[in-house]
Amino acid sequence: MNDSTGKLQTLVKSVLTDTPLTAQEIADKTGGSVMMVRLAMAALEKQGHAISMGARPIRYCAAKMPAKLGQREEYRGEPMPYLRPGSYSPPAQPRVTLIGAGLEEETA
């Protein structure tokens, strides 16, 4: 990263708040170009200092807590397996087959 890119990232980081801003609004506040602001925002997002909001035009705001790469979240108990709707309901009548018997000879 060259010196001007680092300065722009620092400047963009100081402008970010909880209020979402577009790249054009950030560029107006920092005096940089929209393209350079987008590059700086991509780097800040990767570092965990900023987040982007999905609507177009894409808006950026400061991350509430900077996330460190590789840091785990707090443990919240056993993970829940993904179950499709209907895939977890038991059959109405259990199916029991006897060893050596054909499928037509079932007992319940």
C-alpha atoms as a PDB file:
ATOM      1  CA  MET A   1       0.000   0.000   0.000  1.00  0.00           C
ATOM      2  CA  ASN A   2       1.485   3.322  -0.978  1.00  0.00           C
ATOM      3  CA  ASP A   3       1.468   6.423   1.212  1.00  0.00           C
ATOM      4  CA  SER A   4      -1.409   8.245  -0.525  1.00  0.00           C
ATOM      5  CA  THR A   5      -3.670   5.187  -0.315  1.00  0.00           C
ATOM      6  CA  GLY A   6      -2.951   4.847   3.406  1.00  0.00           C
ATOM      7  CA  LYS A   7      -3.717   8.531   3.965  1.00  0.00           C
ATOM      8  CA  LEU A   8      -6.984   8.225   2.041  1.00  0.00           C
ATOM      9  CA  GLN A   9      -7.991   5.167   4.079  1.00  0.00           C
ATOM     10  CA  THR A  10      -7.268   7.048   7.303  1.00  0.00           C
ATOM     11  CA  LEU A  11      -9.235  10.072   6.063  1.00  0.00           C
ATOM     12  CA  VAL A  12     -12.185   7.934   4.930  1.00  0.00           C
ATOM     13  CA  LYS A  13     -12.148   6.052   8.238  1.00  0.00           C
ATOM     14  CA  SER A  14     -12.376   9.353  10.147  1.00  0.00           C
ATOM     15  CA  VAL A  15     -15.395  10.438   8.063  1.00  0.00           C
ATOM     16  CA  LEU A  16     -17.382   7.231   8.637  1.00  0.00           C
ATOM     17  CA  THR A  17     -20.100   7.288  11.272  1.00  0.00           C
ATOM     18  CA  ASP A  18     -23.189   5.211  12.103  1.00  0.00           C
ATOM     19  CA  THR A  19     -25.081   7.107   9.374  1.00  0.00           C
ATOM     20  CA  PRO A  20     -24.752   5.337   5.993  1.00  0.00           C
ATOM     21  CA  LEU A  21     -23.037   7.436   3.288  1.00  0.00           C
ATOM     22  CA  THR A  22     -22.618   6.830  -0.436  1.00  0.00           C
ATOM     23  CA  ALA A  23     -19.186   6.782  -2.068  1.00  0.00           C
ATOM     24  CA  GLN A  24     -19.987  10.154  -3.662  1.00  0.00           C
ATOM     25  CA  GLU A  25     -20.827  11.718  -0.277  1.00  0.00           C
ATOM     26  CA  ILE A  26     -17.603  10.363   1.218  1.00  0.00           C
ATOM     27  CA  ALA A  27     -15.641  11.636  -1.796  1.00  0.00           C
ATOM     28  CA  ASP A  28     -17.168  15.105  -1.352  1.00  0.00           C
ATOM     29  CA  LYS A  29     -16.156  15.159   2.324  1.00  0.00           C
ATOM     30  CA  THR A  30     -12.624  13.843   1.773  1.00  0.00           C
ATOM     31  CA  GLY A  31     -11.783  15.516  -1.517  1.00  0.00           C
ATOM     32  CA  GLY A  32     -10.898  12.199  -3.178  1.00  0.00           C
ATOM     33  CA  SER A  33     -12.366  10.588  -6.273  1.00  0.00           C
ATOM     34  CA  VAL A  34     -15.268   8.165  -6.067  1.00  0.00           C
ATOM     35  CA  MET A  35     -13.094   5.378  -7.482  1.00  0.00           C
ATOM     36  CA  MET A  36     -10.401   5.872  -4.818  1.00  0.00           C
ATOM     37  CA  VAL A  37     -13.040   6.027  -2.082  1.00  0.00           C
ATOM     38  CA  ARG A  38     -14.485   2.696  -3.258  1.00  0.00           C
ATOM     39  CA  LEU A  39     -11.021   1.128  -3.211  1.00  0.00           C
ATOM     40  CA  ALA A  40     -10.402   2.501   0.283  1.00  0.00           C
ATOM     41  CA  MET A  41     -13.810   1.223   1.448  1.00  0.00           C
ATOM     42  CA  ALA A  42     -13.053  -2.265   0.095  1.00  0.00           C
ATOM     43  CA  ALA A  43      -9.813  -2.307   2.094  1.00  0.00           C
ATOM     44  CA  LEU A  44     -11.551  -0.978   5.233  1.00  0.00           C
ATOM     45  CA  GLU A  45     -14.290  -3.606   4.908  1.00  0.00           C
ATOM     46  CA  LYS A  46     -11.678  -6.333   4.604  1.00  0.00           C
ATOM     47  CA  GLN A  47      -9.956  -5.021   7.739  1.00  0.00           C
ATOM     48  CA  GLY A  48     -13.295  -4.966   9.596  1.00  0.00           C
ATOM     49  CA  HIS A  49     -13.514  -1.178  10.086  1.00  0.00           C
ATOM     50  CA  ALA A  50     -16.488  -0.566   7.774  1.00  0.00           C
ATOM     51  CA  ILE A  51     -19.603  -2.299   6.495  1.00  0.00           C
ATOM     52  CA  SER A  52     -21.620  -1.780   3.325  1.00  0.00           C
ATOM     53  CA  MET A  53     -25.375  -1.608   3.083  1.00  0.00           C
ATOM     54  CA  GLY A  54     -26.911  -3.554   0.197  1.00  0.00           C
ATOM     55  CA  ALA A  55     -29.237  -1.041  -1.485  1.00  0.00           C
ATOM     56  CA  ARG A  56     -28.139   0.844  -4.592  1.00  0.00           C
ATOM     57  CA  PRO A  57     -26.396   3.170  -4.407  1.00  0.00           C
ATOM     58  CA  ILE A  58     -24.294   1.184  -1.949  1.00  0.00           C
ATOM     59  CA  ARG A  59     -23.890   3.015   1.341  1.00  0.00           C
ATOM     60  CA  TYR A  60     -21.057   2.586   3.821  1.00  0.00           C
ATOM     61  CA  CYS A  61     -20.879   3.132   7.560  1.00  0.00           C
ATOM     62  CA  ALA A  62     -18.447   2.432  10.375  1.00  0.00           C
ATOM     63  CA  ALA A  63     -18.475  -1.025  11.926  1.00  0.00           C
ATOM     64  CA  LYS A  64     -19.731  -0.971  15.510  1.00  0.00           C
ATOM     65  CA  MET A  65     -16.920  -3.227  16.730  1.00  0.00           C
ATOM     66  CA  PRO A  66     -13.909  -3.728  14.493  1.00  0.00           C
ATOM     67  CA  ALA A  67     -13.761  -7.434  13.747  1.00  0.00           C
ATOM     68  CA  LYS A  68     -10.400  -9.124  13.791  1.00  0.00           C
ATOM     69  CA  LEU A  69      -9.752 -11.687  11.106  1.00  0.00           C
ATOM     70  CA  GLY A  70      -9.867 -15.185  12.495  1.00  0.00           C
ATOM     71  CA  GLN A  71     -11.639 -14.117  15.688  1.00  0.00           C
ATOM     72  CA  ARG A  72     -14.494 -16.383  16.720  1.00  0.00           C
ATOM     73  CA  GLU A  73     -17.859 -15.279  18.008  1.00  0.00           C
ATOM     74  CA  GLU A  74     -19.065 -16.190  21.468  1.00  0.00           C
ATOM     75  CA  TYR A  75     -20.259 -19.764  21.873  1.00  0.00           C
ATOM     76  CA  ARG A  76     -24.058 -19.870  21.882  1.00  0.00           C
ATOM     77  CA  GLY A  77     -24.722 -23.548  22.490  1.00  0.00           C
ATOM     78  CA  GLU A  78     -25.003 -26.523  20.213  1.00  0.00           C
ATOM     79  CA  PRO A  79     -25.357 -25.721  16.519  1.00  0.00           C
ATOM     80  CA  MET A  80     -28.774 -26.292  15.031  1.00  0.00           C
ATOM     81  CA  PRO A  81     -28.716 -28.544  11.973  1.00  0.00           C
ATOM     82  CA  TYR A  82     -30.438 -27.264   8.856  1.00  0.00           C
ATOM     83  CA  LEU A  83     -33.752 -29.015   8.457  1.00  0.00           C
ATOM     84  CA  ARG A  84     -35.927 -28.441   5.409  1.00  0.00           C
ATOM     85  CA  PRO A  85     -39.571 -27.819   6.196  1.00  0.00           C
ATOM     86  CA  GLY A  86     -41.196 -31.242   6.381  1.00  0.00           C
ATOM     87  CA  SER A  87     -37.931 -33.170   6.518  1.00  0.00           C
ATOM     88  CA  TYR A  88     -37.987 -33.439  10.285  1.00  0.00           C
ATOM     89  CA  SER A  89     -41.533 -34.673  10.801  1.00  0.00           C
ATOM     90  CA  PRO A  90     -41.766 -38.378  11.635  1.00  0.00           C
ATOM     91  CA  PRO A  91     -43.799 -40.633   9.372  1.00  0.00           C
ATOM     92  CA  ALA A  92     -47.411 -41.181  10.384  1.00  0.00           C
ATOM     93  CA  GLN A  93     -46.854 -44.896  10.961  1.00  0.00           C
ATOM     94  CA  PRO A  94     -43.438 -46.341  11.774  1.00  0.00           C
ATOM     95  CA  ARG A  95     -42.179 -48.854   9.234  1.00  0.00           C
ATOM     96  CA  VAL A  96     -40.622 -52.011  10.631  1.00  0.00           C
ATOM     97  CA  THR A  97     -39.244 -54.718   8.387  1.00  0.00           C
ATOM     98  CA  LEU A  98     -38.108 -58.145   9.498  1.00  0.00           C
ATOM     99  CA  ILE A  99     -34.699 -59.450   8.482  1.00  0.00           C
ATOM    100  CA  GLY A 100     -35.006 -61.849   5.567  1.00  0.00           C
ATOM    101  CA  ALA A 101     -38.592 -60.809   4.810  1.00  0.00           C
ATOM    102  CA  GLY A 102     -39.581 -59.079   1.593  1.00  0.00           C
ATOM    103  CA  LEU A 103     -40.885 -55.517   1.594  1.00  0.00           C
ATOM    104  CA  GLU A 104     -44.460 -56.778   1.138  1.00  0.00           C
ATOM    105  CA  GLU A 105     -44.281 -58.645   4.457  1.00  0.00           C
ATOM    106  CA  GLU A 106     -44.134 -55.751   6.884  1.00  0.00           C
ATOM    107  CA  THR A 107     -45.254 -55.775  10.504  1.00  0.00           C
ATOM    108  CA  ALA A 108     -46.178 -52.772  12.499  1.00  0.00           C
END
